[in-house]
Each structure stands twice: as C-alpha cells, then as structure tokens.
C-alpha cells in the first residue's frame, strides 16, 4: 500500500508499507503536503517494513525504514517512525530548494503579513506558532520557513506541527484534536495537520517582523528589541542548510533586519504571548 504523493517544498515523496495503519496514519498527518499536480519523474519513496521477530524490551513493534531502496533505519520502534521520517523530510526539503533560503523557524500570517519565529529546538517556537494559529493567525510553516531572496516573503509549508508532550499539556485546554489518542507511529511526538489548527495560507506572505521566542516557566511575558547586527548574526545561525548561506542569502538577511523589526520574546503563557504579538499589528 502507498500514500498519495506529497511535496516538501521542491522534494516529492510518498510512503509505502504493507501495514495499512502506517499508510493511513501518514496519509492523515501529511494531508496539507499533498502534491496532486507534482512532476513525479523524480519522486522518492519511503518504505516502512514491520519486523515480526525483533521487538523492543517494552514489547513495541519494530520497523525498518528505507528511502529509495537505501536503508535509513535498520531497527526503529514504531512509535518513533513519524518523528524520524519527518526529520528526513525536513532535511531534504531544506537541501533541495529551488527558491529562497530555509530558516529554522515557524511562521504565521496576520493581516496579510508574516510573523517569523526562529529559534533552536526547545526554544518554544512551535508552541507559540501553534498558539498563534489557534487564535486566528494563518498557518504558514513550522520548523522550516522558506524566505524568498527578493520579496522577503515566507512560503507556505504544510508539514504537520510536531508537538512534544510538554506542549500538548500547555495547549490541551484549547485544542480538542490533541485529546485524540494519536496514531501508533507518533508516540514520541504528537503531530497535528495545519488545517486542524485553523486557517492555512496558500500563497507567500511578506515578512512584517521577526521574533525569537524563549519559553520560560517563570517570569513575565516580555518583548524586547534586538539590534540589527545581533539580529543578523542570530538569523544567520538560523539558516538550516549550510549550502544556503550564499551571498544572495546574506544580502536578503541584511535587508530583512534593516526593513522589519526583530525582537526577542520571553514568555510563560503561549496564549498571552500570542495576544501580545497580535497587538503589534494594531
């Protein structure tokens, strides 16, 4: 069995498995990456094969994962499959762009302009991106935001949002779909298709501001400005692919920190932070 074809920016792929539940789970999670009109002459195939003889100490089913016939993971707990496959997809999307440059960032749209949220893993950018989408902002991307060199617009990327258990707990009261039991393949992280969060942007959105979020369990929500030189350095470190750090990328980042505000946001409540960012547009 196989899923439909999906597009990760310019990288096209599908999932194959003899296990119907694995195929159905990926088809459900990747629905906003559907590529019905894509050129499939160079499409790639993940093959996920359950192994009957090898089981983890906890007793969970194990699988092997191939990409185009090449072994990626010889043994992997089935509950980790979604997380590992999503990482592989993101890496290839970042390294095979036919436009713009990739930032390790989430992005949402407000009043036809984009708020870009760069940050390292664990900084709280996905939590804040999700909270903003839940409070009416259009979803653009999570984890990988592609910025056009010329227009400085953020391109939509429909990869499902990856929520860690702590984020699920923070947002549980406001997002009903997080209360579902989840698919077997997503026990490490809970994945939510962008359309389940609300409005999904279909077209590139001009960047209006850049905000570097940091989740802090204590303290007040605070938004502070970042100087242009420091902002440029931070954004350069946020570029996902080393091959993307070209002269056009550096020039685009220089224009970005010159033309739009760049701020640092410390927050304890994602929804309080979302409200603060919404007021920036007023």
C-alpha atoms as a PDB file:
ATOM      1  CA  UNK A   1       0.000   0.000   0.000  1.00  0.00           C
ATOM      2  CA  UNK A   2       1.098   3.588  -0.510  1.00  0.00           C
ATOM      3  CA  UNK A   3       0.027   7.116   0.311  1.00  0.00           C
ATOM      4  CA  UNK A   4      -0.623   9.776  -2.339  1.00  0.00           C
ATOM      5  CA  UNK A   5       2.332  11.904  -3.405  1.00  0.00           C
ATOM      6  CA  UNK A   6       3.418  14.770  -1.158  1.00  0.00           C
ATOM      7  CA  UNK A   7       5.642  17.790  -1.667  1.00  0.00           C
ATOM      8  CA  UNK A   8       8.212  19.093   0.816  1.00  0.00           C
ATOM      9  CA  UNK A   9       8.999  22.354  -0.964  1.00  0.00           C
ATOM     10  CA  UNK A  10      10.610  21.017  -4.185  1.00  0.00           C
ATOM     11  CA  UNK A  11      11.175  17.461  -2.871  1.00  0.00           C
ATOM     12  CA  UNK A  12       8.399  14.990  -3.759  1.00  0.00           C
ATOM     13  CA  UNK A  13       7.785  11.733  -1.887  1.00  0.00           C
ATOM     14  CA  UNK A  14       5.297   9.134  -0.730  1.00  0.00           C
ATOM     15  CA  UNK A  15       5.139   6.450   1.962  1.00  0.00           C
ATOM     16  CA  UNK A  16       4.819   2.717   1.237  1.00  0.00           C
ATOM     17  CA  UNK A  17       4.157  -0.080   3.719  1.00  0.00           C
ATOM     18  CA  UNK A  18       2.461  -3.453   3.912  1.00  0.00           C
ATOM     19  CA  UNK A  19       0.918  -2.190   7.156  1.00  0.00           C
ATOM     20  CA  UNK A  20      -2.342  -0.421   6.296  1.00  0.00           C
ATOM     21  CA  UNK A  21      -2.378   1.543   9.573  1.00  0.00           C
ATOM     22  CA  UNK A  22       1.044   3.071   8.876  1.00  0.00           C
ATOM     23  CA  UNK A  23      -0.061   4.213   5.422  1.00  0.00           C
ATOM     24  CA  UNK A  24      -3.358   5.604   6.696  1.00  0.00           C
ATOM     25  CA  UNK A  25      -1.617   7.456   9.529  1.00  0.00           C
ATOM     26  CA  UNK A  26       0.854   9.191   7.227  1.00  0.00           C
ATOM     27  CA  UNK A  27      -1.872   9.997   4.706  1.00  0.00           C
ATOM     28  CA  UNK A  28      -3.800  11.679   7.514  1.00  0.00           C
ATOM     29  CA  UNK A  29      -0.868  13.581   9.011  1.00  0.00           C
ATOM     30  CA  UNK A  30       0.591  14.786   5.693  1.00  0.00           C
ATOM     31  CA  UNK A  31      -2.693  15.909   4.136  1.00  0.00           C
ATOM     32  CA  UNK A  32      -1.563  19.556   3.842  1.00  0.00           C
ATOM     33  CA  UNK A  33       1.519  18.494   1.860  1.00  0.00           C
ATOM     34  CA  UNK A  34      -0.498  16.830  -0.903  1.00  0.00           C
ATOM     35  CA  UNK A  35       1.028  17.234  -4.374  1.00  0.00           C
ATOM     36  CA  UNK A  36      -1.597  16.073  -6.882  1.00  0.00           C
ATOM     37  CA  UNK A  37      -0.065  18.044  -9.764  1.00  0.00           C
ATOM     38  CA  UNK A  38       3.614  17.451  -8.983  1.00  0.00           C
ATOM     39  CA  UNK A  39       6.138  16.184 -11.526  1.00  0.00           C
ATOM     40  CA  UNK A  40       6.696  12.641 -10.284  1.00  0.00           C
ATOM     41  CA  UNK A  41       9.562  11.673 -12.586  1.00  0.00           C
ATOM     42  CA  UNK A  42      11.967  12.114  -9.663  1.00  0.00           C
ATOM     43  CA  UNK A  43       9.610  11.273  -6.786  1.00  0.00           C
ATOM     44  CA  UNK A  44      11.086   9.478  -3.781  1.00  0.00           C
ATOM     45  CA  UNK A  45       9.681   6.583  -1.757  1.00  0.00           C
ATOM     46  CA  UNK A  46       9.958   5.790   1.952  1.00  0.00           C
ATOM     47  CA  UNK A  47       9.360   2.092   2.578  1.00  0.00           C
ATOM     48  CA  UNK A  48       8.429   1.165   6.152  1.00  0.00           C
ATOM     49  CA  UNK A  49       8.540  -2.543   6.927  1.00  0.00           C
ATOM     50  CA  UNK A  50       7.301  -4.007  10.225  1.00  0.00           C
ATOM     51  CA  UNK A  51       9.586  -6.706  11.593  1.00  0.00           C
ATOM     52  CA  UNK A  52       7.873  -9.607  13.329  1.00  0.00           C
ATOM     53  CA  UNK A  53      10.873 -11.175  15.022  1.00  0.00           C
ATOM     54  CA  UNK A  54      12.586  -8.165  16.570  1.00  0.00           C
ATOM     55  CA  UNK A  55      10.787  -6.322  19.356  1.00  0.00           C
ATOM     56  CA  UNK A  56      11.900  -3.722  21.870  1.00  0.00           C
ATOM     57  CA  UNK A  57      12.261  -4.551  25.576  1.00  0.00           C
ATOM     58  CA  UNK A  58       8.929  -2.813  26.181  1.00  0.00           C
ATOM     59  CA  UNK A  59       7.311  -5.076  23.639  1.00  0.00           C
ATOM     60  CA  UNK A  60       6.514  -2.470  20.994  1.00  0.00           C
ATOM     61  CA  UNK A  61       6.629  -3.369  17.311  1.00  0.00           C
ATOM     62  CA  UNK A  62       9.851  -2.557  15.441  1.00  0.00           C
ATOM     63  CA  UNK A  63      10.227  -1.478  11.816  1.00  0.00           C
ATOM     64  CA  UNK A  64      12.916  -0.833   9.231  1.00  0.00           C
ATOM     65  CA  UNK A  65      12.873   2.305   7.070  1.00  0.00           C
ATOM     66  CA  UNK A  66      14.289   2.586   3.539  1.00  0.00           C
ATOM     67  CA  UNK A  67      14.389   5.576   1.216  1.00  0.00           C
ATOM     68  CA  UNK A  68      14.533   4.704  -2.477  1.00  0.00           C
ATOM     69  CA  UNK A  69      15.804   1.271  -1.507  1.00  0.00           C
ATOM     70  CA  UNK A  70      18.603   2.590   0.724  1.00  0.00           C
ATOM     71  CA  UNK A  71      18.420   1.571   4.387  1.00  0.00           C
ATOM     72  CA  UNK A  72      17.947   4.570   6.699  1.00  0.00           C
ATOM     73  CA  UNK A  73      16.980   2.848   9.953  1.00  0.00           C
ATOM     74  CA  UNK A  74      17.642  -0.885  10.382  1.00  0.00           C
ATOM     75  CA  UNK A  75      15.585  -1.016  13.578  1.00  0.00           C
ATOM     76  CA  UNK A  76      13.200   1.600  14.898  1.00  0.00           C
ATOM     77  CA  UNK A  77      10.347   1.466  17.410  1.00  0.00           C
ATOM     78  CA  UNK A  78       7.078   2.048  15.595  1.00  0.00           C
ATOM     79  CA  UNK A  79       6.195   4.907  17.943  1.00  0.00           C
ATOM     80  CA  UNK A  80       9.247   6.827  16.679  1.00  0.00           C
ATOM     81  CA  UNK A  81       8.534   6.404  12.980  1.00  0.00           C
ATOM     82  CA  UNK A  82       6.684   9.686  12.423  1.00  0.00           C
ATOM     83  CA  UNK A  83       9.342  11.752  14.207  1.00  0.00           C
ATOM     84  CA  UNK A  84      12.241  10.191  12.281  1.00  0.00           C
ATOM     85  CA  UNK A  85      10.544  10.327   8.883  1.00  0.00           C
ATOM     86  CA  UNK A  86       9.596  13.991   9.420  1.00  0.00           C
ATOM     87  CA  UNK A  87      13.232  14.816  10.211  1.00  0.00           C
ATOM     88  CA  UNK A  88      14.338  13.123   6.994  1.00  0.00           C
ATOM     89  CA  UNK A  89      11.686  15.038   5.018  1.00  0.00           C
ATOM     90  CA  UNK A  90      12.706  18.390   6.502  1.00  0.00           C
ATOM     91  CA  UNK A  91      16.389  17.821   5.787  1.00  0.00           C
ATOM     92  CA  UNK A  92      15.724  17.033   2.154  1.00  0.00           C
ATOM     93  CA  UNK A  93      13.316  19.926   1.781  1.00  0.00           C
ATOM     94  CA  UNK A  94      15.955  22.327   3.139  1.00  0.00           C
ATOM     95  CA  UNK A  95      18.691  20.926   0.892  1.00  0.00           C
ATOM     96  CA  UNK A  96      16.728  20.811  -2.355  1.00  0.00           C
ATOM     97  CA  UNK A  97      15.104  24.234  -2.557  1.00  0.00           C
ATOM     98  CA  UNK A  98      14.550  25.746  -5.988  1.00  0.00           C
ATOM     99  CA  UNK A  99      13.798  29.147  -4.429  1.00  0.00           C
ATOM    100  CA  UNK A 100      14.692  31.186  -1.356  1.00  0.00           C
ATOM    101  CA  UNK A 101      16.550  30.049   1.761  1.00  0.00           C
ATOM    102  CA  UNK A 102      15.395  27.925   4.733  1.00  0.00           C
ATOM    103  CA  UNK A 103      15.177  29.194   8.308  1.00  0.00           C
ATOM    104  CA  UNK A 104      14.732  27.013  11.371  1.00  0.00           C
ATOM    105  CA  UNK A 105      11.544  28.878  12.229  1.00  0.00           C
ATOM    106  CA  UNK A 106       7.798  28.798  12.471  1.00  0.00           C
ATOM    107  CA  UNK A 107       5.676  31.421  10.717  1.00  0.00           C
ATOM    108  CA  UNK A 108       2.105  32.675  10.832  1.00  0.00           C
ATOM    109  CA  UNK A 109       0.199  35.372   8.950  1.00  0.00           C
ATOM    110  CA  UNK A 110      -1.624  38.332  10.441  1.00  0.00           C
ATOM    111  CA  UNK A 111      -3.376  40.950   8.289  1.00  0.00           C
ATOM    112  CA  UNK A 112      -1.587  39.759   5.119  1.00  0.00           C
ATOM    113  CA  UNK A 113       1.854  39.950   6.731  1.00  0.00           C
ATOM    114  CA  UNK A 114       4.037  37.254   8.263  1.00  0.00           C
ATOM    115  CA  UNK A 115       5.461  36.882  11.751  1.00  0.00           C
ATOM    116  CA  UNK A 116       8.566  34.674  11.559  1.00  0.00           C
ATOM    117  CA  UNK A 117       9.578  32.833  14.740  1.00  0.00           C
ATOM    118  CA  UNK A 118      13.146  31.452  14.546  1.00  0.00           C
ATOM    119  CA  UNK A 119      14.736  29.508  17.358  1.00  0.00           C
ATOM    120  CA  UNK A 120      16.674  26.447  18.361  1.00  0.00           C
ATOM    121  CA  UNK A 121      14.968  23.172  19.202  1.00  0.00           C
ATOM    122  CA  UNK A 122      13.270  23.512  22.569  1.00  0.00           C
ATOM    123  CA  UNK A 123      13.054  27.306  22.463  1.00  0.00           C
ATOM    124  CA  UNK A 124       9.261  27.304  22.353  1.00  0.00           C
ATOM    125  CA  UNK A 125       8.775  28.423  18.745  1.00  0.00           C
ATOM    126  CA  UNK A 126       6.474  25.519  17.852  1.00  0.00           C
ATOM    127  CA  UNK A 127       4.351  26.092  20.950  1.00  0.00           C
ATOM    128  CA  UNK A 128       3.999  29.777  20.059  1.00  0.00           C
ATOM    129  CA  UNK A 129       3.371  29.063  16.363  1.00  0.00           C
ATOM    130  CA  UNK A 130       0.588  26.676  17.369  1.00  0.00           C
ATOM    131  CA  UNK A 131      -0.940  29.147  19.825  1.00  0.00           C
ATOM    132  CA  UNK A 132      -0.930  31.898  17.191  1.00  0.00           C
ATOM    133  CA  UNK A 133      -2.606  29.597  14.659  1.00  0.00           C
ATOM    134  CA  UNK A 134      -5.228  28.630  17.235  1.00  0.00           C
ATOM    135  CA  UNK A 135      -6.033  32.274  17.938  1.00  0.00           C
ATOM    136  CA  UNK A 136      -6.810  33.174  14.341  1.00  0.00           C
ATOM    137  CA  UNK A 137      -3.470  33.674  12.595  1.00  0.00           C
ATOM    138  CA  UNK A 138      -2.961  31.913   9.285  1.00  0.00           C
ATOM    139  CA  UNK A 139      -0.560  28.976   9.441  1.00  0.00           C
ATOM    140  CA  UNK A 140       2.462  29.324   7.139  1.00  0.00           C
ATOM    141  CA  UNK A 141       5.040  26.855   8.453  1.00  0.00           C
ATOM    142  CA  UNK A 142       6.551  25.134  11.460  1.00  0.00           C
ATOM    143  CA  UNK A 143      10.231  24.214  11.858  1.00  0.00           C
ATOM    144  CA  UNK A 144      11.178  25.123   8.276  1.00  0.00           C
ATOM    145  CA  UNK A 145      10.242  28.537   6.889  1.00  0.00           C
ATOM    146  CA  UNK A 146      11.490  29.399   3.405  1.00  0.00           C
ATOM    147  CA  UNK A 147      12.093  33.099   2.708  1.00  0.00           C
ATOM    148  CA  UNK A 148      12.246  34.449  -0.843  1.00  0.00           C
ATOM    149  CA  UNK A 149      15.511  36.278  -1.580  1.00  0.00           C
ATOM    150  CA  UNK A 150      13.856  39.118  -3.490  1.00  0.00           C
ATOM    151  CA  UNK A 151      10.415  39.727  -1.976  1.00  0.00           C
ATOM    152  CA  UNK A 152      11.316  38.630   1.585  1.00  0.00           C
ATOM    153  CA  UNK A 153       8.074  36.661   1.653  1.00  0.00           C
ATOM    154  CA  UNK A 154       7.544  33.421   3.599  1.00  0.00           C
ATOM    155  CA  UNK A 155       6.449  30.406   1.551  1.00  0.00           C
ATOM    156  CA  UNK A 156       3.766  28.067   2.942  1.00  0.00           C
ATOM    157  CA  UNK A 157       4.959  24.636   4.029  1.00  0.00           C
ATOM    158  CA  UNK A 158       2.251  22.195   5.085  1.00  0.00           C
ATOM    159  CA  UNK A 159       4.293  19.798   7.208  1.00  0.00           C
ATOM    160  CA  UNK A 160       2.340  18.798  10.329  1.00  0.00           C
ATOM    161  CA  UNK A 161       3.229  20.551  13.559  1.00  0.00           C
ATOM    162  CA  UNK A 162       5.318  18.362  15.872  1.00  0.00           C
ATOM    163  CA  UNK A 163       4.225  18.826  19.482  1.00  0.00           C
ATOM    164  CA  UNK A 164       6.194  17.409  22.369  1.00  0.00           C
ATOM    165  CA  UNK A 165       4.346  16.178  25.468  1.00  0.00           C
ATOM    166  CA  UNK A 166       5.041  19.416  27.369  1.00  0.00           C
ATOM    167  CA  UNK A 167       3.490  21.450  24.549  1.00  0.00           C
ATOM    168  CA  UNK A 168       0.476  19.154  24.403  1.00  0.00           C
ATOM    169  CA  UNK A 169      -0.069  19.773  28.105  1.00  0.00           C
ATOM    170  CA  UNK A 170       0.279  23.551  27.685  1.00  0.00           C
ATOM    171  CA  UNK A 171      -2.280  23.702  24.869  1.00  0.00           C
ATOM    172  CA  UNK A 172      -4.594  20.827  25.792  1.00  0.00           C
ATOM    173  CA  UNK A 173      -7.419  23.026  27.086  1.00  0.00           C
ATOM    174  CA  UNK A 174      -7.673  24.926  23.789  1.00  0.00           C
ATOM    175  CA  UNK A 175      -7.193  22.318  21.065  1.00  0.00           C
ATOM    176  CA  UNK A 176      -9.591  19.409  21.005  1.00  0.00           C
ATOM    177  CA  UNK A 177      -7.687  17.296  18.484  1.00  0.00           C
ATOM    178  CA  UNK A 178      -4.792  16.912  20.915  1.00  0.00           C
ATOM    179  CA  UNK A 179      -7.067  14.836  23.112  1.00  0.00           C
ATOM    180  CA  UNK A 180      -7.306  12.100  20.469  1.00  0.00           C
ATOM    181  CA  UNK A 181      -5.229   9.028  21.330  1.00  0.00           C
ATOM    182  CA  UNK A 182      -2.864   9.532  18.399  1.00  0.00           C
ATOM    183  CA  UNK A 183      -1.605   7.140  15.778  1.00  0.00           C
ATOM    184  CA  UNK A 184       0.728   4.288  16.721  1.00  0.00           C
ATOM    185  CA  UNK A 185       3.555   5.891  14.712  1.00  0.00           C
ATOM    186  CA  UNK A 186       3.527   9.170  16.693  1.00  0.00           C
ATOM    187  CA  UNK A 187       4.179   8.262  20.301  1.00  0.00           C
ATOM    188  CA  UNK A 188       7.400  10.319  20.638  1.00  0.00           C
ATOM    189  CA  UNK A 189       5.674  13.485  19.434  1.00  0.00           C
ATOM    190  CA  UNK A 190       2.074  14.377  18.601  1.00  0.00           C
ATOM    191  CA  UNK A 191       1.610  15.606  15.039  1.00  0.00           C
ATOM    192  CA  UNK A 192      -1.215  17.919  14.003  1.00  0.00           C
ATOM    193  CA  UNK A 193      -2.030  18.776  10.389  1.00  0.00           C
ATOM    194  CA  UNK A 194      -2.062  22.582   9.856  1.00  0.00           C
ATOM    195  CA  UNK A 195      -5.701  22.545   8.747  1.00  0.00           C
ATOM    196  CA  UNK A 196      -6.654  21.244  12.195  1.00  0.00           C
ATOM    197  CA  UNK A 197      -5.281  24.438  13.734  1.00  0.00           C
ATOM    198  CA  UNK A 198      -7.393  26.812  11.658  1.00  0.00           C
ATOM    199  CA  UNK A 199      -6.654  28.850   8.543  1.00  0.00           C
ATOM    200  CA  UNK A 200      -3.800  27.674   6.303  1.00  0.00           C
ATOM    201  CA  UNK A 201      -2.044  30.126   3.987  1.00  0.00           C
ATOM    202  CA  UNK A 202      -1.853  29.075   0.349  1.00  0.00           C
ATOM    203  CA  UNK A 203       0.365  31.874  -1.019  1.00  0.00           C
ATOM    204  CA  UNK A 204       3.640  33.544   0.023  1.00  0.00           C
ATOM    205  CA  UNK A 205       3.245  36.220   2.713  1.00  0.00           C
ATOM    206  CA  UNK A 206       5.563  39.272   3.094  1.00  0.00           C
ATOM    207  CA  UNK A 207       7.504  39.225   6.364  1.00  0.00           C
ATOM    208  CA  UNK A 208       6.430  42.029   8.726  1.00  0.00           C
ATOM    209  CA  UNK A 209       8.502  41.121  11.790  1.00  0.00           C
ATOM    210  CA  UNK A 210      10.877  38.513  13.183  1.00  0.00           C
ATOM    211  CA  UNK A 211      10.509  37.340  16.782  1.00  0.00           C
ATOM    212  CA  UNK A 212      12.927  35.000  18.582  1.00  0.00           C
ATOM    213  CA  UNK A 213      10.836  33.271  21.285  1.00  0.00           C
ATOM    214  CA  UNK A 214      12.034  31.674  24.502  1.00  0.00           C
ATOM    215  CA  UNK A 215       9.709  29.749  26.795  1.00  0.00           C
ATOM    216  CA  UNK A 216      10.395  30.406  30.475  1.00  0.00           C
ATOM    217  CA  UNK A 217       8.430  28.679  33.216  1.00  0.00           C
ATOM    218  CA  UNK A 218       8.664  31.750  35.461  1.00  0.00           C
ATOM    219  CA  UNK A 219       8.674  35.476  34.829  1.00  0.00           C
ATOM    220  CA  UNK A 220       6.538  37.900  32.859  1.00  0.00           C
ATOM    221  CA  UNK A 221       5.931  37.870  29.120  1.00  0.00           C
ATOM    222  CA  UNK A 222       8.337  40.435  27.710  1.00  0.00           C
ATOM    223  CA  UNK A 223       9.088  41.676  24.198  1.00  0.00           C
ATOM    224  CA  UNK A 224      12.408  43.473  23.630  1.00  0.00           C
ATOM    225  CA  UNK A 225      14.160  44.834  20.544  1.00  0.00           C
ATOM    226  CA  UNK A 226      17.306  43.269  19.075  1.00  0.00           C
ATOM    227  CA  UNK A 227      19.932  45.408  17.366  1.00  0.00           C
ATOM    228  CA  UNK A 228      20.434  44.898  13.640  1.00  0.00           C
ATOM    229  CA  UNK A 229      23.977  43.430  13.955  1.00  0.00           C
ATOM    230  CA  UNK A 230      22.881  40.942  16.640  1.00  0.00           C
ATOM    231  CA  UNK A 231      19.714  40.086  14.698  1.00  0.00           C
ATOM    232  CA  UNK A 232      21.746  39.408  11.559  1.00  0.00           C
ATOM    233  CA  UNK A 233      24.050  37.044  13.447  1.00  0.00           C
ATOM    234  CA  UNK A 234      21.110  35.214  15.035  1.00  0.00           C
ATOM    235  CA  UNK A 235      19.350  34.820  11.689  1.00  0.00           C
ATOM    236  CA  UNK A 236      22.494  33.513  10.013  1.00  0.00           C
ATOM    237  CA  UNK A 237      22.683  30.827  12.711  1.00  0.00           C
ATOM    238  CA  UNK A 238      19.036  30.009  11.984  1.00  0.00           C
ATOM    239  CA  UNK A 239      19.643  29.174   8.303  1.00  0.00           C
ATOM    240  CA  UNK A 240      19.077  25.416   8.138  1.00  0.00           C
ATOM    241  CA  UNK A 241      21.323  24.436   5.256  1.00  0.00           C
ATOM    242  CA  UNK A 242      24.986  25.445   5.097  1.00  0.00           C
ATOM    243  CA  UNK A 243      24.757  25.469   1.310  1.00  0.00           C
ATOM    244  CA  UNK A 244      22.063  28.161   1.571  1.00  0.00           C
ATOM    245  CA  UNK A 245      24.441  30.682   3.194  1.00  0.00           C
ATOM    246  CA  UNK A 246      25.245  32.330  -0.128  1.00  0.00           C
ATOM    247  CA  UNK A 247      25.747  35.983  -0.996  1.00  0.00           C
ATOM    248  CA  UNK A 248      22.074  36.373  -2.004  1.00  0.00           C
ATOM    249  CA  UNK A 249      21.021  34.915   1.346  1.00  0.00           C
ATOM    250  CA  UNK A 250      23.328  37.242   3.285  1.00  0.00           C
ATOM    251  CA  UNK A 251      22.049  40.225   1.302  1.00  0.00           C
ATOM    252  CA  UNK A 252      18.426  39.177   1.923  1.00  0.00           C
ATOM    253  CA  UNK A 253      19.042  38.797   5.652  1.00  0.00           C
ATOM    254  CA  UNK A 254      20.708  42.208   5.746  1.00  0.00           C
ATOM    255  CA  UNK A 255      17.666  43.771   4.094  1.00  0.00           C
ATOM    256  CA  UNK A 256      15.373  41.875   6.435  1.00  0.00           C
ATOM    257  CA  UNK A 257      16.936  43.214   9.651  1.00  0.00           C
ATOM    258  CA  UNK A 258      17.029  46.688   8.113  1.00  0.00           C
ATOM    259  CA  UNK A 259      13.417  46.748   6.920  1.00  0.00           C
ATOM    260  CA  UNK A 260      11.432  44.894   9.619  1.00  0.00           C
ATOM    261  CA  UNK A 261      11.558  44.892  13.436  1.00  0.00           C
ATOM    262  CA  UNK A 262      13.409  41.994  15.041  1.00  0.00           C
ATOM    263  CA  UNK A 263      12.577  41.234  18.660  1.00  0.00           C
ATOM    264  CA  UNK A 264      13.200  38.776  21.445  1.00  0.00           C
ATOM    265  CA  UNK A 265      10.166  37.375  23.280  1.00  0.00           C
ATOM    266  CA  UNK A 266      10.330  35.672  26.671  1.00  0.00           C
ATOM    267  CA  UNK A 267       7.021  34.074  27.575  1.00  0.00           C
ATOM    268  CA  UNK A 268       5.408  31.823  30.150  1.00  0.00           C
ATOM    269  CA  UNK A 269       1.942  31.593  28.569  1.00  0.00           C
ATOM    270  CA  UNK A 270       1.818  30.922  24.842  1.00  0.00           C
ATOM    271  CA  UNK A 271      -1.631  32.470  24.525  1.00  0.00           C
ATOM    272  CA  UNK A 272      -0.594  35.590  26.437  1.00  0.00           C
ATOM    273  CA  UNK A 273       2.388  35.890  24.107  1.00  0.00           C
ATOM    274  CA  UNK A 274       0.116  35.396  21.078  1.00  0.00           C
ATOM    275  CA  UNK A 275      -2.111  38.222  22.287  1.00  0.00           C
ATOM    276  CA  UNK A 276       0.920  40.488  22.715  1.00  0.00           C
ATOM    277  CA  UNK A 277       2.117  39.770  19.184  1.00  0.00           C
ATOM    278  CA  UNK A 278      -1.371  40.380  17.806  1.00  0.00           C
ATOM    279  CA  UNK A 279      -1.322  43.880  19.287  1.00  0.00           C
ATOM    280  CA  UNK A 280       1.816  44.672  17.278  1.00  0.00           C
ATOM    281  CA  UNK A 281      -0.438  44.899  14.204  1.00  0.00           C
ATOM    282  CA  UNK A 282      -2.800  47.422  15.766  1.00  0.00           C
END
